[in-house]
């Protein structure tokens, strides 16, 4: 299990979570190609490339809760505690990293 960033993040994406994540598990939709390229080459990721909404890689997340503590719009939730109105965001998060 892991944390999920809900659509509360859309258009409010300040990327505070990216700066505090100790394992670089948080990425955005505009940097998918950059994420794959950086992983392959060992280069660090550039969080400024994510512009719309952030997502948490469930394979990398260590459940440290740092994202929830720093998010000014309260977008991240433990995947089992995502409010009903945001349950679709769980699959959206998984789909982002499935590619």
Protein backbone atom coordinates (compact mmCIF):
# COMPACT_ATOMS: atom_id res chain seq x y z
CA UNK A 1 0.00 0.00 0.00
CA UNK A 2 1.02 3.59 -0.51
CA UNK A 3 -0.17 7.15 -0.46
CA UNK A 4 -2.23 8.57 -3.34
CA UNK A 5 -2.39 12.20 -4.39
CA UNK A 6 -5.98 13.07 -5.21
CA UNK A 7 -7.27 15.51 -7.79
CA UNK A 8 -7.29 18.20 -5.09
CA UNK A 9 -3.78 18.78 -6.42
CA UNK A 10 -4.97 19.81 -9.89
CA UNK A 11 -4.31 23.45 -10.60
CA UNK A 12 -3.01 23.85 -7.03
CA UNK A 13 0.22 21.98 -7.57
CA UNK A 14 2.89 23.73 -5.53
CA UNK A 15 5.16 20.66 -5.43
CA UNK A 16 5.94 20.99 -1.72
CA UNK A 17 5.55 17.21 -1.53
CA UNK A 18 8.27 16.68 -4.15
CA UNK A 19 10.74 18.66 -2.09
CA UNK A 20 10.07 16.67 1.08
CA UNK A 21 9.75 13.12 -0.30
CA UNK A 22 12.86 11.27 0.90
CA UNK A 23 12.70 8.62 -1.83
CA UNK A 24 11.78 10.69 -4.92
CA UNK A 25 8.45 8.87 -5.33
CA UNK A 26 6.39 11.87 -6.47
CA UNK A 27 6.14 12.84 -10.13
CA UNK A 28 3.78 14.72 -12.43
CA UNK A 29 2.13 13.90 -15.75
CA UNK A 30 4.29 16.20 -17.85
CA UNK A 31 7.51 14.57 -16.68
CA UNK A 32 6.76 10.90 -17.45
CA UNK A 33 9.34 10.72 -20.22
CA UNK A 34 11.85 12.54 -18.02
CA UNK A 35 11.21 10.05 -15.17
CA UNK A 36 11.88 7.04 -17.39
CA UNK A 37 14.96 8.64 -18.92
CA UNK A 38 16.37 9.69 -15.55
CA UNK A 39 15.80 6.25 -14.04
CA UNK A 40 17.55 4.60 -16.96
CA UNK A 41 20.55 6.91 -16.78
CA UNK A 42 20.75 7.42 -13.01
CA UNK A 43 20.30 11.22 -13.39
CA UNK A 44 18.34 13.12 -10.73
CA UNK A 45 14.75 14.06 -11.55
CA UNK A 46 13.75 17.67 -12.19
CA UNK A 47 10.50 18.31 -10.26
CA UNK A 48 9.92 21.60 -12.06
CA UNK A 49 8.78 19.61 -15.10
CA UNK A 50 5.52 18.52 -13.44
CA UNK A 51 2.88 21.16 -13.99
CA UNK A 52 -0.64 19.79 -13.55
CA UNK A 53 -0.91 17.18 -10.80
CA UNK A 54 1.52 15.06 -8.89
CA UNK A 55 1.31 11.30 -8.41
CA UNK A 56 3.05 8.93 -5.98
CA UNK A 57 4.86 5.87 -7.32
CA UNK A 58 3.45 3.00 -5.24
CA UNK A 59 6.59 0.95 -5.82
CA UNK A 60 8.84 3.68 -4.41
CA UNK A 61 6.65 5.17 -1.64
CA UNK A 62 7.82 4.20 1.85
CA UNK A 63 4.69 5.49 3.62
CA UNK A 64 6.60 8.14 5.52
CA UNK A 65 3.66 10.61 5.53
CA UNK A 66 5.86 13.57 4.55
CA UNK A 67 3.64 14.40 1.57
CA UNK A 68 0.55 14.76 3.74
CA UNK A 69 2.39 16.96 6.21
CA UNK A 70 3.61 19.41 3.58
CA UNK A 71 0.72 19.58 1.09
CA UNK A 72 -1.08 22.93 1.44
CA UNK A 73 -4.26 21.59 -0.21
CA UNK A 74 -4.44 18.24 1.65
CA UNK A 75 -4.35 16.20 -1.56
CA UNK A 76 -2.45 13.05 -0.44
CA UNK A 77 -4.21 10.25 1.42
CA UNK A 78 -3.28 6.76 2.51
CA UNK A 79 -4.79 4.65 -0.32
CA UNK A 80 -7.20 2.90 2.05
CA UNK A 81 -8.43 6.25 3.42
CA UNK A 82 -9.09 8.15 0.19
CA UNK A 83 -12.48 9.90 0.49
CA UNK A 84 -15.25 8.39 -1.65
CA UNK A 85 -15.37 11.37 -4.01
CA UNK A 86 -11.69 10.83 -4.88
CA UNK A 87 -11.64 7.01 -5.19
CA UNK A 88 -11.15 7.27 -8.98
CA UNK A 89 -7.84 8.98 -8.30
CA UNK A 90 -6.42 5.72 -6.94
CA UNK A 91 -6.63 4.14 -10.39
CA UNK A 92 -5.45 7.33 -12.09
CA UNK A 93 -2.33 7.25 -9.88
CA UNK A 94 -1.71 3.58 -10.69
CA UNK A 95 -2.22 4.18 -14.42
CA UNK A 96 0.34 6.99 -14.43
CA UNK A 97 3.07 4.61 -13.30
CA UNK A 98 1.88 1.57 -15.27
CA UNK A 99 3.26 2.94 -18.55
